[in-house]
Amino acid sequence: MVVFDVDDGQEGGPGLVTGALPSVPDAVARLAALAPAKAMTAVAEIGTDCGWTAALLAHHLQGGRVVTLADTDRLADIARQHLEHYPQVEVVSRAEGGVLGPVGSFGGLLSHRAVQRVPWQWVTLVRPGGQLCLPVRTGLSGSSTLLTLQVARDGLSASGRFLTGPAVQALWLREQRPGVGTRVEPQKSPRTSAAPGTTRAPLWPAARLFSGLLQPDLQMELVRGAAQLEGDVADRLRIHDHQASRAVIFLWDPGSIYEWGPRDLGTVLFNALAQWHAAGEPKLGQLGMTVTKTEHTLWLGAPDGPSWQLPDLDGSSGGKERHAR
């Protein structure tokens, strides 16, 4: 990944990466997952950056139209310069209104911005039967997992699976960047958590995605320490909710968990992990998602299999298993 924009182009920020060229394998993986075909007369792209992937889309469509959304006016200007020889590509800027098109304008949508919840507006842009490909990321997962969705015939939902393969790197969609609120450092001695379960589970990609989707406010950081003869290894996790609670999980013997603040974050995390264990410890390719205007549902095996209604990003509603077959 090559970074060329930070802090949305503003001066004096914390150095947050807000513009980047994805690695070639990541870009190819996203394009392959969307499977743009000549039959697609128009494709929407979220996260223009320098315009490279928009040019690749235009090449695949061979005459089809690409409308790509840049995060800032500056990034839009950069992309327009790079795409001046691609008249079939239209660059729009969020700052200029960011209108990609009316409902049902596109046969496919490709996002380079990671989300925890799929914006319903994205689904409405794609006509029934069309495809969406987007990276899903949580505060527990760090990297992203690609999700492909197909819009239903009635246009009232979109459903699809998570893809197996290497994790991809993707910047957050601005509206869903984590970190809202103030992280409070603990002032008191920690308490020992009685949370059950193996402390190694949070390292497994499917477990981290599953738990992060059920608990979207949790943030996790792997802390690496030097272990003799083994180089650098992750030996503990820091969990916080960007408010007044945090926890430290030691991964190896004795596997202790220490907590601060009003919430028992160790218990919150391991309750979510317990649902993953109870479902048979499914791998990424066994999980999928169905999106409607009002709900996100995580499912196992098929849309009519065991499923969990996901809570909103503010933590309200959902998170419980709805049915099992």
C-alpha atoms as a PDB file:
ATOM      1  CA  MET A   1       0.000   0.000   0.000  1.00  0.00           C
ATOM      2  CA  VAL A   2       1.377   3.414  -1.038  1.00  0.00           C
ATOM      3  CA  VAL A   3       0.119   6.309   1.101  1.00  0.00           C
ATOM      4  CA  PHE A   4      -0.397   9.710  -0.525  1.00  0.00           C
ATOM      5  CA  ASP A   5      -2.975  11.433   1.688  1.00  0.00           C
ATOM      6  CA  VAL A   6      -3.343  11.852   5.453  1.00  0.00           C
ATOM      7  CA  ASP A   7      -5.964  13.502   7.669  1.00  0.00           C
ATOM      8  CA  ASP A   8      -8.259  14.137   4.660  1.00  0.00           C
ATOM      9  CA  GLY A   9      -5.747  16.705   3.424  1.00  0.00           C
ATOM     10  CA  GLN A  10      -5.993  18.834   6.566  1.00  0.00           C
ATOM     11  CA  GLU A  11      -2.990  20.286   8.369  1.00  0.00           C
ATOM     12  CA  GLY A  12      -2.064  19.443  11.943  1.00  0.00           C
ATOM     13  CA  GLY A  13      -3.947  16.168  12.238  1.00  0.00           C
ATOM     14  CA  PRO A  14      -2.867  12.953  13.956  1.00  0.00           C
ATOM     15  CA  GLY A  15      -1.430  11.445  10.782  1.00  0.00           C
ATOM     16  CA  LEU A  16      -4.404   9.219   9.926  1.00  0.00           C
ATOM     17  CA  VAL A  17      -4.002   7.637   6.488  1.00  0.00           C
ATOM     18  CA  THR A  18      -6.944   8.746   4.309  1.00  0.00           C
ATOM     19  CA  GLY A  19      -5.647   8.065   0.796  1.00  0.00           C
ATOM     20  CA  ALA A  20      -3.634   5.116  -0.476  1.00  0.00           C
ATOM     21  CA  LEU A  21      -2.926   3.013  -3.525  1.00  0.00           C
ATOM     22  CA  PRO A  22      -3.701  -0.609  -2.661  1.00  0.00           C
ATOM     23  CA  SER A  23      -1.165  -3.306  -3.314  1.00  0.00           C
ATOM     24  CA  VAL A  24      -1.498  -5.080  -6.664  1.00  0.00           C
ATOM     25  CA  PRO A  25      -2.692  -8.364  -5.074  1.00  0.00           C
ATOM     26  CA  ASP A  26      -5.341  -6.506  -3.064  1.00  0.00           C
ATOM     27  CA  ALA A  27      -6.600  -4.609  -6.113  1.00  0.00           C
ATOM     28  CA  VAL A  28      -6.703  -7.739  -8.254  1.00  0.00           C
ATOM     29  CA  ALA A  29      -8.540  -9.642  -5.499  1.00  0.00           C
ATOM     30  CA  ARG A  30     -11.256  -6.980  -5.338  1.00  0.00           C
ATOM     31  CA  LEU A  31     -11.651  -6.810  -9.112  1.00  0.00           C
ATOM     32  CA  ALA A  32     -11.808 -10.599  -9.371  1.00  0.00           C
ATOM     33  CA  ALA A  33     -14.403 -10.767  -6.583  1.00  0.00           C
ATOM     34  CA  LEU A  34     -16.619  -8.237  -8.356  1.00  0.00           C
ATOM     35  CA  ALA A  35     -16.030 -10.087 -11.659  1.00  0.00           C
ATOM     36  CA  PRO A  36     -16.762  -7.064 -13.877  1.00  0.00           C
ATOM     37  CA  ALA A  37     -18.110  -8.280 -17.193  1.00  0.00           C
ATOM     38  CA  LYS A  38     -18.729  -6.660 -20.530  1.00  0.00           C
ATOM     39  CA  ALA A  39     -22.433  -7.071 -19.840  1.00  0.00           C
ATOM     40  CA  MET A  40     -22.089  -4.525 -17.019  1.00  0.00           C
ATOM     41  CA  THR A  41     -22.742  -1.202 -18.684  1.00  0.00           C
ATOM     42  CA  ALA A  42     -21.913   0.803 -15.559  1.00  0.00           C
ATOM     43  CA  VAL A  43     -19.999   0.233 -12.315  1.00  0.00           C
ATOM     44  CA  ALA A  44     -19.723   2.448  -9.239  1.00  0.00           C
ATOM     45  CA  GLU A  45     -16.488   2.706  -7.268  1.00  0.00           C
ATOM     46  CA  ILE A  46     -16.116   3.971  -3.698  1.00  0.00           C
ATOM     47  CA  GLY A  47     -12.686   5.409  -2.845  1.00  0.00           C
ATOM     48  CA  THR A  48     -11.068   6.728  -6.034  1.00  0.00           C
ATOM     49  CA  ASP A  49      -7.648   7.489  -4.548  1.00  0.00           C
ATOM     50  CA  CYS A  50      -5.274   8.022  -7.524  1.00  0.00           C
ATOM     51  CA  GLY A  51      -7.640   6.542 -10.124  1.00  0.00           C
ATOM     52  CA  TRP A  52      -5.654   3.399 -10.922  1.00  0.00           C
ATOM     53  CA  THR A  53      -8.387   0.876 -10.141  1.00  0.00           C
ATOM     54  CA  ALA A  54     -10.982   3.022 -11.929  1.00  0.00           C
ATOM     55  CA  ALA A  55      -8.815   2.716 -15.045  1.00  0.00           C
ATOM     56  CA  LEU A  56      -8.638  -1.063 -14.562  1.00  0.00           C
ATOM     57  CA  LEU A  57     -12.427  -1.211 -14.263  1.00  0.00           C
ATOM     58  CA  ALA A  58     -12.819   0.812 -17.450  1.00  0.00           C
ATOM     59  CA  HIS A  59     -10.469  -1.597 -19.237  1.00  0.00           C
ATOM     60  CA  HIS A  60     -12.476  -4.635 -18.085  1.00  0.00           C
ATOM     61  CA  LEU A  61     -15.806  -3.103 -19.065  1.00  0.00           C
ATOM     62  CA  GLN A  62     -14.526  -2.153 -22.545  1.00  0.00           C
ATOM     63  CA  GLY A  63     -16.831   0.751 -23.210  1.00  0.00           C
ATOM     64  CA  GLY A  64     -18.882   0.616 -20.037  1.00  0.00           C
ATOM     65  CA  ARG A  65     -19.178   3.606 -17.740  1.00  0.00           C
ATOM     66  CA  VAL A  66     -17.365   3.938 -14.396  1.00  0.00           C
ATOM     67  CA  VAL A  67     -18.408   6.508 -11.792  1.00  0.00           C
ATOM     68  CA  THR A  68     -15.893   6.757  -8.978  1.00  0.00           C
ATOM     69  CA  LEU A  69     -16.258   8.627  -5.694  1.00  0.00           C
ATOM     70  CA  ALA A  70     -13.255  10.486  -4.230  1.00  0.00           C
ATOM     71  CA  ASP A  71     -13.103  11.355  -0.533  1.00  0.00           C
ATOM     72  CA  THR A  72     -11.900  14.954  -1.008  1.00  0.00           C
ATOM     73  CA  ASP A  73     -11.670  17.609  -3.737  1.00  0.00           C
ATOM     74  CA  ARG A  74      -7.891  17.206  -3.724  1.00  0.00           C
ATOM     75  CA  LEU A  75      -8.076  13.468  -4.344  1.00  0.00           C
ATOM     76  CA  ALA A  76     -10.715  14.048  -7.032  1.00  0.00           C
ATOM     77  CA  ASP A  77      -8.390  16.488  -8.835  1.00  0.00           C
ATOM     78  CA  ILE A  78      -5.494  14.009  -8.666  1.00  0.00           C
ATOM     79  CA  ALA A  79      -7.651  11.228 -10.089  1.00  0.00           C
ATOM     80  CA  ARG A  80      -9.037  13.426 -12.888  1.00  0.00           C
ATOM     81  CA  GLN A  81      -5.496  14.242 -14.012  1.00  0.00           C
ATOM     82  CA  HIS A  82      -4.538  10.571 -14.081  1.00  0.00           C
ATOM     83  CA  LEU A  83      -7.753   9.578 -15.868  1.00  0.00           C
ATOM     84  CA  GLU A  84      -7.814  12.267 -18.542  1.00  0.00           C
ATOM     85  CA  HIS A  85      -7.369   9.592 -21.230  1.00  0.00           C
ATOM     86  CA  TYR A  86     -10.321   7.567 -19.890  1.00  0.00           C
ATOM     87  CA  PRO A  87     -13.403   9.514 -20.978  1.00  0.00           C
ATOM     88  CA  GLN A  88     -15.689   6.687 -19.819  1.00  0.00           C
ATOM     89  CA  VAL A  89     -14.628   7.342 -16.182  1.00  0.00           C
ATOM     90  CA  GLU A  90     -16.403  10.078 -14.232  1.00  0.00           C
ATOM     91  CA  VAL A  91     -14.849  11.257 -10.969  1.00  0.00           C
ATOM     92  CA  VAL A  92     -17.135  12.814  -8.364  1.00  0.00           C
ATOM     93  CA  SER A  93     -16.125  14.285  -5.017  1.00  0.00           C
ATOM     94  CA  ARG A  94     -17.816  13.828  -1.677  1.00  0.00           C
ATOM     95  CA  ALA A  95     -17.242  17.520  -0.995  1.00  0.00           C
ATOM     96  CA  GLU A  96     -19.128  18.384  -4.186  1.00  0.00           C
ATOM     97  CA  GLY A  97     -22.124  16.337  -3.142  1.00  0.00           C
ATOM     98  CA  GLY A  98     -20.802  12.916  -4.061  1.00  0.00           C
ATOM     99  CA  VAL A  99     -23.812  11.775  -6.105  1.00  0.00           C
ATOM    100  CA  LEU A 100     -22.939   8.571  -7.939  1.00  0.00           C
ATOM    101  CA  GLY A 101     -26.282   8.224  -9.647  1.00  0.00           C
ATOM    102  CA  PRO A 102     -29.971   7.454  -9.143  1.00  0.00           C
ATOM    103  CA  VAL A 103     -31.349   4.189  -7.773  1.00  0.00           C
ATOM    104  CA  GLY A 104     -30.496   1.162  -9.911  1.00  0.00           C
ATOM    105  CA  SER A 105     -27.901   2.979 -12.017  1.00  0.00           C
ATOM    106  CA  PHE A 106     -25.200   0.301 -11.897  1.00  0.00           C
ATOM    107  CA  GLY A 107     -24.627  -3.354 -12.553  1.00  0.00           C
ATOM    108  CA  GLY A 108     -21.955  -3.520  -9.888  1.00  0.00           C
ATOM    109  CA  LEU A 109     -20.312  -1.595  -7.058  1.00  0.00           C
ATOM    110  CA  LEU A 110     -16.717  -1.934  -5.874  1.00  0.00           C
ATOM    111  CA  SER A 111     -15.584  -0.327  -2.610  1.00  0.00           C
ATOM    112  CA  HIS A 112     -12.024   0.310  -1.467  1.00  0.00           C
ATOM    113  CA  ARG A 113     -13.280   1.636   1.854  1.00  0.00           C
ATOM    114  CA  ALA A 114     -13.844  -0.816   4.676  1.00  0.00           C
ATOM    115  CA  VAL A 115     -17.140  -0.915   6.548  1.00  0.00           C
ATOM    116  CA  GLN A 116     -18.667  -2.725   9.498  1.00  0.00           C
ATOM    117  CA  ARG A 117     -22.189  -2.147   8.211  1.00  0.00           C
ATOM    118  CA  VAL A 118     -23.041  -1.879   4.508  1.00  0.00           C
ATOM    119  CA  PRO A 119     -24.622   1.503   3.693  1.00  0.00           C
ATOM    120  CA  TRP A 120     -28.082   0.789   2.308  1.00  0.00           C
ATOM    121  CA  GLN A 121     -27.611   3.543  -0.269  1.00  0.00           C
ATOM    122  CA  TRP A 122     -24.870   1.426  -1.868  1.00  0.00           C
ATOM    123  CA  VAL A 123     -27.299  -1.453  -2.301  1.00  0.00           C
ATOM    124  CA  THR A 124     -29.941   0.786  -3.875  1.00  0.00           C
ATOM    125  CA  LEU A 125     -27.440   2.012  -6.478  1.00  0.00           C
ATOM    126  CA  VAL A 126     -27.124  -1.524  -7.882  1.00  0.00           C
ATOM    127  CA  ARG A 127     -29.948  -2.955  -9.954  1.00  0.00           C
ATOM    128  CA  PRO A 128     -31.534  -6.326  -8.985  1.00  0.00           C
ATOM    129  CA  GLY A 129     -29.196  -9.199  -9.787  1.00  0.00           C
ATOM    130  CA  GLY A 130     -26.161  -6.917  -9.644  1.00  0.00           C
ATOM    131  CA  GLN A 131     -23.084  -7.462  -7.503  1.00  0.00           C
ATOM    132  CA  LEU A 132     -21.351  -5.538  -4.738  1.00  0.00           C
ATOM    133  CA  CYS A 133     -17.824  -6.247  -3.510  1.00  0.00           C
ATOM    134  CA  LEU A 134     -16.565  -4.517  -0.399  1.00  0.00           C
ATOM    135  CA  PRO A 135     -14.061  -5.023   2.422  1.00  0.00           C
ATOM    136  CA  VAL A 136     -15.568  -5.654   5.852  1.00  0.00           C
ATOM    137  CA  ARG A 137     -13.461  -4.696   8.843  1.00  0.00           C
ATOM    138  CA  THR A 138     -14.047  -4.547  12.580  1.00  0.00           C
ATOM    139  CA  GLY A 139     -12.201  -3.060  15.513  1.00  0.00           C
ATOM    140  CA  LEU A 140     -11.096  -6.582  16.446  1.00  0.00           C
ATOM    141  CA  SER A 141      -9.935  -7.761  13.027  1.00  0.00           C
ATOM    142  CA  GLY A 142      -7.403  -5.111  12.002  1.00  0.00           C
ATOM    143  CA  SER A 143      -7.330  -6.135   8.325  1.00  0.00           C
ATOM    144  CA  SER A 144     -10.376  -6.614   6.102  1.00  0.00           C
ATOM    145  CA  THR A 145     -12.277  -9.555   4.662  1.00  0.00           C
ATOM    146  CA  LEU A 146     -13.909  -9.256   1.250  1.00  0.00           C
ATOM    147  CA  LEU A 147     -17.686  -9.687   1.087  1.00  0.00           C
ATOM    148  CA  THR A 148     -19.601 -10.159  -2.155  1.00  0.00           C
ATOM    149  CA  LEU A 149     -23.327  -9.436  -2.215  1.00  0.00           C
ATOM    150  CA  GLN A 150     -25.972  -9.976  -4.870  1.00  0.00           C
ATOM    151  CA  VAL A 151     -29.010  -7.721  -4.917  1.00  0.00           C
ATOM    152  CA  ALA A 152     -32.287  -9.655  -4.718  1.00  0.00           C
ATOM    153  CA  ARG A 153     -34.795  -9.612  -7.558  1.00  0.00           C
ATOM    154  CA  ASP A 154     -37.123  -7.351  -5.594  1.00  0.00           C
ATOM    155  CA  GLY A 155     -34.287  -4.985  -4.672  1.00  0.00           C
ATOM    156  CA  LEU A 156     -35.212  -5.167  -0.981  1.00  0.00           C
ATOM    157  CA  SER A 157     -32.121  -7.059   0.176  1.00  0.00           C
ATOM    158  CA  ALA A 158     -28.630  -8.175  -0.794  1.00  0.00           C
ATOM    159  CA  SER A 159     -26.968 -11.372   0.324  1.00  0.00           C
ATOM    160  CA  GLY A 160     -23.609 -13.068  -0.106  1.00  0.00           C
ATOM    161  CA  ARG A 161     -20.562 -14.745   1.415  1.00  0.00           C
ATOM    162  CA  PHE A 162     -17.272 -13.697   2.875  1.00  0.00           C
ATOM    163  CA  LEU A 163     -14.326 -14.777   0.754  1.00  0.00           C
ATOM    164  CA  THR A 164     -11.471 -16.959   1.899  1.00  0.00           C
ATOM    165  CA  GLY A 165      -7.900 -16.056   1.088  1.00  0.00           C
ATOM    166  CA  PRO A 166      -5.357 -13.559   2.390  1.00  0.00           C
ATOM    167  CA  ALA A 167      -6.668 -10.595   4.353  1.00  0.00           C
ATOM    168  CA  VAL A 168      -6.786  -7.312   2.441  1.00  0.00           C
ATOM    169  CA  GLN A 169      -5.765  -3.853   3.590  1.00  0.00           C
ATOM    170  CA  ALA A 170      -8.416  -1.173   3.233  1.00  0.00           C
ATOM    171  CA  LEU A 171      -8.933   2.267   4.721  1.00  0.00           C
ATOM    172  CA  TRP A 172     -12.090   2.892   6.730  1.00  0.00           C
ATOM    173  CA  LEU A 173     -15.098   4.561   5.171  1.00  0.00           C
ATOM    174  CA  ARG A 174     -15.059   7.987   6.792  1.00  0.00           C
ATOM    175  CA  GLU A 175     -18.490   7.640   8.421  1.00  0.00           C
ATOM    176  CA  GLN A 176     -17.512   4.359  10.054  1.00  0.00           C
ATOM    177  CA  ARG A 177     -14.023   5.118  11.275  1.00  0.00           C
ATOM    178  CA  PRO A 178     -13.690   3.854  14.841  1.00  0.00           C
ATOM    179  CA  GLY A 179     -12.586   6.033  17.683  1.00  0.00           C
ATOM    180  CA  VAL A 180     -15.615   8.189  18.403  1.00  0.00           C
ATOM    181  CA  GLY A 181     -15.385   9.166  22.039  1.00  0.00           C
ATOM    182  CA  THR A 182     -12.493   9.565  24.428  1.00  0.00           C
ATOM    183  CA  ARG A 183     -10.323   6.689  25.477  1.00  0.00           C
ATOM    184  CA  VAL A 184      -9.884   6.930  29.254  1.00  0.00           C
ATOM    185  CA  GLU A 185      -6.727   5.499  30.752  1.00  0.00           C
ATOM    186  CA  PRO A 186      -7.305   3.492  33.935  1.00  0.00           C
ATOM    187  CA  GLN A 187      -6.538   5.223  37.215  1.00  0.00           C
ATOM    188  CA  LYS A 188      -7.252   2.307  39.555  1.00  0.00           C
ATOM    189  CA  SER A 189      -5.825  -1.156  40.021  1.00  0.00           C
ATOM    190  CA  PRO A 190      -7.299  -3.739  37.643  1.00  0.00           C
ATOM    191  CA  ARG A 191      -9.674  -6.512  38.588  1.00  0.00           C
ATOM    192  CA  THR A 192      -9.221 -10.071  37.423  1.00  0.00           C
ATOM    193  CA  SER A 193     -11.811 -11.213  34.905  1.00  0.00           C
ATOM    194  CA  ALA A 194     -13.702 -14.445  35.298  1.00  0.00           C
ATOM    195  CA  ALA A 195     -14.447 -14.600  31.566  1.00  0.00           C
ATOM    196  CA  PRO A 196     -14.440 -18.233  30.399  1.00  0.00           C
ATOM    197  CA  GLY A 197     -12.789 -19.566  27.270  1.00  0.00           C
ATOM    198  CA  THR A 198      -9.391 -19.979  25.681  1.00  0.00           C
ATOM    199  CA  THR A 199      -7.364 -16.804  25.416  1.00  0.00           C
ATOM    200  CA  ARG A 200      -5.934 -17.930  22.066  1.00  0.00           C
ATOM    201  CA  ALA A 201      -9.260 -17.714  20.229  1.00  0.00           C
ATOM    202  CA  PRO A 202      -9.143 -13.936  19.588  1.00  0.00           C
ATOM    203  CA  LEU A 203      -6.181 -14.488  17.235  1.00  0.00           C
ATOM    204  CA  TRP A 204      -8.131 -16.627  14.744  1.00  0.00           C
ATOM    205  CA  PRO A 205      -9.370 -14.542  11.767  1.00  0.00           C
ATOM    206  CA  ALA A 206     -12.893 -16.000  11.622  1.00  0.00           C
ATOM    207  CA  ALA A 207     -13.307 -15.619  15.377  1.00  0.00           C
ATOM    208  CA  ARG A 208     -12.170 -11.992  15.244  1.00  0.00           C
ATOM    209  CA  LEU A 209     -14.516 -11.141  12.373  1.00  0.00           C
ATOM    210  CA  PHE A 210     -17.471 -12.913  13.996  1.00  0.00           C
ATOM    211  CA  SER A 211     -16.931 -11.328  17.420  1.00  0.00           C
ATOM    212  CA  GLY A 212     -16.205  -7.893  15.987  1.00  0.00           C
ATOM    213  CA  LEU A 213     -19.437  -7.900  13.996  1.00  0.00           C
ATOM    214  CA  LEU A 214     -21.414  -8.834  17.117  1.00  0.00           C
ATOM    215  CA  GLN A 215     -19.593  -6.252  19.271  1.00  0.00           C
ATOM    216  CA  PRO A 216     -18.816  -3.315  16.932  1.00  0.00           C
ATOM    217  CA  ASP A 217     -17.643  -0.902  19.639  1.00  0.00           C
ATOM    218  CA  LEU A 218     -14.700  -3.058  20.760  1.00  0.00           C
ATOM    219  CA  GLN A 219     -11.193  -2.168  19.610  1.00  0.00           C
ATOM    220  CA  MET A 220      -8.291  -4.579  19.912  1.00  0.00           C
ATOM    221  CA  GLU A 221      -4.550  -4.064  19.697  1.00  0.00           C
ATOM    222  CA  LEU A 222      -1.993  -6.867  19.584  1.00  0.00           C
ATOM    223  CA  VAL A 223       1.042  -6.118  21.723  1.00  0.00           C
ATOM    224  CA  ARG A 224       4.197  -7.903  20.696  1.00  0.00           C
ATOM    225  CA  GLY A 225       6.951  -8.866  23.083  1.00  0.00           C
ATOM    226  CA  ALA A 226      10.337 -10.480  22.560  1.00  0.00           C
ATOM    227  CA  ALA A 227      10.279 -14.210  23.297  1.00  0.00           C
ATOM    228  CA  GLN A 228      13.579 -16.016  23.525  1.00  0.00           C
ATOM    229  CA  LEU A 229      14.284 -18.207  20.466  1.00  0.00           C
ATOM    230  CA  GLU A 230      10.989 -17.233  18.830  1.00  0.00           C
ATOM    231  CA  GLY A 231      11.516 -13.628  17.774  1.00  0.00           C
ATOM    232  CA  ASP A 232       8.673 -11.166  18.131  1.00  0.00           C
ATOM    233  CA  VAL A 233       5.347 -12.728  19.082  1.00  0.00           C
ATOM    234  CA  ALA A 234       1.994 -11.324  20.144  1.00  0.00           C
ATOM    235  CA  ASP A 235       1.808 -12.056  23.844  1.00  0.00           C
ATOM    236  CA  ARG A 236      -1.135  -9.929  24.955  1.00  0.00           C
ATOM    237  CA  LEU A 237      -4.141  -8.050  23.666  1.00  0.00           C
ATOM    238  CA  ARG A 238      -5.447  -4.655  24.690  1.00  0.00           C
ATOM    239  CA  ILE A 239      -9.215  -4.213  24.414  1.00  0.00           C
ATOM    240  CA  HIS A 240     -11.025  -0.908  24.852  1.00  0.00           C
ATOM    241  CA  ASP A 241     -14.305   0.705  23.892  1.00  0.00           C
ATOM    242  CA  HIS A 242     -12.984   4.264  23.364  1.00  0.00           C
ATOM    243  CA  GLN A 243     -14.732   5.226  26.555  1.00  0.00           C
ATOM    244  CA  ALA A 244     -14.036   4.320  30.167  1.00  0.00           C
ATOM    245  CA  SER A 245     -13.437   0.569  29.959  1.00  0.00           C
ATOM    246  CA  ARG A 246     -10.482  -1.515  28.878  1.00  0.00           C
ATOM    247  CA  ALA A 247      -8.982  -4.953  29.370  1.00  0.00           C
ATOM    248  CA  VAL A 248      -5.647  -6.687  28.901  1.00  0.00           C
ATOM    249  CA  ILE A 249      -5.627 -10.338  27.849  1.00  0.00           C
ATOM    250  CA  PHE A 250      -2.447 -12.386  28.258  1.00  0.00           C
ATOM    251  CA  LEU A 251      -2.487 -15.008  25.526  1.00  0.00           C
ATOM    252  CA  TRP A 252      -0.180 -17.623  26.997  1.00  0.00           C
ATOM    253  CA  ASP A 253       0.052 -19.330  30.361  1.00  0.00           C
ATOM    254  CA  PRO A 254      -1.658 -18.528  32.633  1.00  0.00           C
ATOM    255  CA  GLY A 255      -3.900 -16.705  30.180  1.00  0.00           C
ATOM    256  CA  SER A 256      -5.023 -14.047  32.645  1.00  0.00           C
ATOM    257  CA  ILE A 257      -7.461 -11.248  31.860  1.00  0.00           C
ATOM    258  CA  TYR A 258      -7.434  -7.916  33.704  1.00  0.00           C
ATOM    259  CA  GLU A 259     -10.118  -5.234  33.408  1.00  0.00           C
ATOM    260  CA  TRP A 260     -10.740  -1.590  34.258  1.00  0.00           C
ATOM    261  CA  GLY A 261     -13.863   0.542  34.043  1.00  0.00           C
ATOM    262  CA  PRO A 262     -17.610  -0.055  34.268  1.00  0.00           C
ATOM    263  CA  ARG A 263     -17.837  -2.713  31.537  1.00  0.00           C
ATOM    264  CA  ASP A 264     -16.382  -6.203  31.778  1.00  0.00           C
ATOM    265  CA  LEU A 265     -14.838  -6.183  28.321  1.00  0.00           C
ATOM    266  CA  GLY A 266     -13.274  -9.607  28.776  1.00  0.00           C
ATOM    267  CA  THR A 267     -16.718 -11.065  29.409  1.00  0.00           C
ATOM    268  CA  VAL A 268     -18.222  -9.103  26.491  1.00  0.00           C
ATOM    269  CA  LEU A 269     -15.558 -10.452  24.130  1.00  0.00           C
ATOM    270  CA  PHE A 270     -15.690 -14.058  25.304  1.00  0.00           C
ATOM    271  CA  ASN A 271     -19.499 -14.138  25.248  1.00  0.00           C
ATOM    272  CA  ALA A 272     -19.277 -13.281  21.545  1.00  0.00           C
ATOM    273  CA  LEU A 273     -16.537 -15.870  21.040  1.00  0.00           C
ATOM    274  CA  ALA A 274     -18.706 -18.459  22.818  1.00  0.00           C
ATOM    275  CA  GLN A 275     -21.337 -18.043  20.094  1.00  0.00           C
ATOM    276  CA  TRP A 276     -18.663 -18.685  17.461  1.00  0.00           C
ATOM    277  CA  HIS A 277     -17.527 -21.822  19.323  1.00  0.00           C
ATOM    278  CA  ALA A 278     -21.141 -23.006  19.694  1.00  0.00           C
ATOM    279  CA  ALA A 279     -21.645 -22.597  15.939  1.00  0.00           C
ATOM    280  CA  GLY A 280     -18.824 -25.094  15.326  1.00  0.00           C
ATOM    281  CA  GLU A 281     -15.969 -22.592  14.922  1.00  0.00           C
ATOM    282  CA  PRO A 282     -16.876 -21.773  11.302  1.00  0.00           C
ATOM    283  CA  LYS A 283     -14.228 -20.527   8.894  1.00  0.00           C
ATOM    284  CA  LEU A 284     -14.556 -17.313   6.904  1.00  0.00           C
ATOM    285  CA  GLY A 285     -15.899 -19.025   3.785  1.00  0.00           C
ATOM    286  CA  GLN A 286     -18.759 -20.553   5.767  1.00  0.00           C
ATOM    287  CA  LEU A 287     -20.071 -17.162   6.887  1.00  0.00           C
ATOM    288  CA  GLY A 288     -22.235 -14.742   4.952  1.00  0.00           C
ATOM    289  CA  MET A 289     -24.391 -11.667   5.398  1.00  0.00           C
ATOM    290  CA  THR A 290     -27.803 -10.443   4.334  1.00  0.00           C
ATOM    291  CA  VAL A 291     -28.455  -6.706   4.263  1.00  0.00           C
ATOM    292  CA  THR A 292     -31.813  -4.939   4.208  1.00  0.00           C
ATOM    293  CA  LYS A 293     -32.728  -1.311   4.735  1.00  0.00           C
ATOM    294  CA  THR A 294     -33.091  -1.861   8.493  1.00  0.00           C
ATOM    295  CA  GLU A 295     -31.061  -4.969   9.374  1.00  0.00           C
ATOM    296  CA  HIS A 296     -27.744  -6.735   8.933  1.00  0.00           C
ATOM    297  CA  THR A 297     -27.855 -10.488   9.486  1.00  0.00           C
ATOM    298  CA  LEU A 298     -24.778 -12.684   9.798  1.00  0.00           C
ATOM    299  CA  TRP A 299     -25.442 -16.291   8.784  1.00  0.00           C
ATOM    300  CA  LEU A 300     -23.741 -19.651   8.722  1.00  0.00           C
ATOM    301  CA  GLY A 301     -23.829 -21.891   5.654  1.00  0.00           C
ATOM    302  CA  ALA A 302     -26.802 -20.271   3.902  1.00  0.00           C
ATOM    303  CA  PRO A 303     -29.200 -17.370   4.486  1.00  0.00           C
ATOM    304  CA  ASP A 304     -31.768 -19.769   5.950  1.00  0.00           C
ATOM    305  CA  GLY A 305     -29.229 -21.396   8.285  1.00  0.00           C
ATOM    306  CA  PRO A 306     -28.215 -20.327  11.803  1.00  0.00           C
ATOM    307  CA  SER A 307     -28.075 -16.543  11.898  1.00  0.00           C
ATOM    308  CA  TRP A 308     -27.388 -13.570  14.138  1.00  0.00           C
ATOM    309  CA  GLN A 309     -28.962 -10.135  13.872  1.00  0.00           C
ATOM    310  CA  LEU A 310     -26.121  -7.640  14.118  1.00  0.00           C
ATOM    311  CA  PRO A 311     -26.421  -4.589  16.353  1.00  0.00           C
ATOM    312  CA  ASP A 312     -26.264  -1.085  14.968  1.00  0.00           C
ATOM    313  CA  LEU A 313     -22.905   0.653  15.242  1.00  0.00           C
ATOM    314  CA  ASP A 314     -24.180   2.423  18.345  1.00  0.00           C
ATOM    315  CA  GLY A 315     -24.646  -1.015  19.933  1.00  0.00           C
ATOM    316  CA  SER A 316     -28.435  -1.019  19.937  1.00  0.00           C
ATOM    317  CA  SER A 317     -30.427  -4.155  19.066  1.00  0.00           C
ATOM    318  CA  GLY A 318     -29.277  -7.440  17.651  1.00  0.00           C
ATOM    319  CA  GLY A 319     -26.318  -9.653  18.474  1.00  0.00           C
ATOM    320  CA  LYS A 320     -28.480 -12.679  19.349  1.00  0.00           C
ATOM    321  CA  GLU A 321     -28.842 -15.915  17.444  1.00  0.00           C
ATOM    322  CA  ARG A 322     -32.152 -15.787  15.649  1.00  0.00           C
ATOM    323  CA  HIS A 323     -32.616 -19.378  14.552  1.00  0.00           C
ATOM    324  CA  ALA A 324     -30.758 -22.598  13.986  1.00  0.00           C
ATOM    325  CA  ARG A 325     -31.449 -25.554  11.727  1.00  0.00           C
END
